């Protein structure tokens, strides 16, 4: 998937690790939680981005680009959420 490697996948969770050259290690985690099957939105998509910086350059990179990262990852999560298909509970 682009510059990401799948490091964990389960029925409700996907964790990707960045394979691009960065001053640290980056992970993108997506988790789907069932909340209320009777509601108009029976699931919640939780996305977590983490970065383990290496040295001062890593901190400068992450916090300097934070507004851009927030925009990109929020849009990515919104696009994924709009494509999630829900199966009725018990199938």
Protein backbone atom coordinates (compact mmCIF):
# COMPACT_ATOMS: atom_id res chain seq x y z
CA UNK A 1 0.00 0.00 0.00
CA UNK A 2 1.98 2.99 -1.23
CA UNK A 3 4.73 3.60 1.36
CA UNK A 4 3.07 1.55 4.09
CA UNK A 5 3.60 -2.05 5.18
CA UNK A 6 0.87 -4.05 6.89
CA UNK A 7 2.17 -5.15 10.29
CA UNK A 8 -1.08 -6.33 11.89
CA UNK A 9 -4.50 -7.23 10.56
CA UNK A 10 -7.50 -8.70 12.31
CA UNK A 11 -11.25 -8.69 11.90
CA UNK A 12 -11.54 -5.15 13.25
CA UNK A 13 -8.02 -3.69 13.22
CA UNK A 14 -5.33 -2.75 10.72
CA UNK A 15 -1.88 -1.42 11.63
CA UNK A 16 0.47 -0.02 9.01
CA UNK A 17 4.14 0.92 9.40
CA UNK A 18 5.71 3.61 7.23
CA UNK A 19 8.38 2.31 4.85
CA UNK A 20 9.56 5.72 3.73
CA UNK A 21 12.80 7.27 4.91
CA UNK A 22 11.93 9.22 8.07
CA UNK A 23 13.80 10.48 11.12
CA UNK A 24 11.92 7.93 13.24
CA UNK A 25 9.27 5.23 12.99
CA UNK A 26 5.66 5.98 12.01
CA UNK A 27 2.56 3.83 12.46
CA UNK A 28 -1.03 4.26 11.31
CA UNK A 29 -3.61 2.22 13.20
CA UNK A 30 -7.25 1.79 12.19
CA UNK A 31 -9.80 0.12 14.42
CA UNK A 32 -13.52 -0.42 13.85
CA UNK A 33 -15.72 -0.70 16.95
CA UNK A 34 -19.34 -1.75 16.93
CA UNK A 35 -21.37 0.69 19.02
CA UNK A 36 -25.14 0.36 18.47
CA UNK A 37 -26.53 -1.85 15.70
CA UNK A 38 -29.86 0.02 15.89
CA UNK A 39 -28.38 3.48 15.28
CA UNK A 40 -27.87 5.17 11.91
CA UNK A 41 -24.11 4.78 12.48
CA UNK A 42 -23.58 1.36 14.12
CA UNK A 43 -19.76 1.52 14.14
CA UNK A 44 -17.01 3.93 15.07
CA UNK A 45 -13.72 4.20 13.14
CA UNK A 46 -10.77 5.05 15.36
CA UNK A 47 -7.50 6.05 13.76
CA UNK A 48 -4.29 6.59 15.64
CA UNK A 49 -1.07 7.91 14.17
CA UNK A 50 2.09 7.48 16.17
CA UNK A 51 5.64 8.58 15.54
CA UNK A 52 8.73 7.58 17.48
CA UNK A 53 11.23 10.33 16.62
CA UNK A 54 14.97 9.70 16.38
CA UNK A 55 16.82 12.68 17.75
CA UNK A 56 16.10 16.37 17.42
CA UNK A 57 15.52 16.10 13.66
CA UNK A 58 12.68 13.64 14.33
CA UNK A 59 10.94 16.06 16.68
CA UNK A 60 11.38 18.96 14.26
CA UNK A 61 10.02 16.83 11.40
CA UNK A 62 6.93 15.65 13.30
CA UNK A 63 5.91 18.90 14.96
CA UNK A 64 6.87 21.04 11.97
CA UNK A 65 4.62 18.99 9.69
CA UNK A 66 1.91 18.30 12.27
CA UNK A 67 -0.77 20.50 10.62
CA UNK A 68 -0.20 18.74 7.28
CA UNK A 69 -0.15 15.30 8.90
CA UNK A 70 -3.41 16.05 10.71
CA UNK A 71 -5.10 17.11 7.49
CA UNK A 72 -3.84 14.11 5.48
CA UNK A 73 -4.65 11.47 8.10
CA UNK A 74 -8.06 12.95 8.94
CA UNK A 75 -9.02 12.97 5.26
CA UNK A 76 -7.72 9.42 4.84
CA UNK A 77 -9.83 8.22 7.78
CA UNK A 78 -12.92 10.04 6.47
CA UNK A 79 -12.50 8.45 3.04
CA UNK A 80 -12.13 4.99 4.60
CA UNK A 81 -15.11 5.51 6.90
CA UNK A 82 -17.33 6.43 3.97
CA UNK A 83 -16.46 3.12 2.29
CA UNK A 84 -17.02 0.78 5.23
CA UNK A 85 -19.74 -1.79 4.60
CA UNK A 86 -21.57 -3.05 7.67
CA UNK A 87 -22.85 -6.63 7.86
CA UNK A 88 -25.83 -7.28 10.12
CA UNK A 89 -24.79 -8.56 13.56
CA UNK A 90 -24.79 -12.36 13.74
CA UNK A 91 -23.77 -13.11 10.16
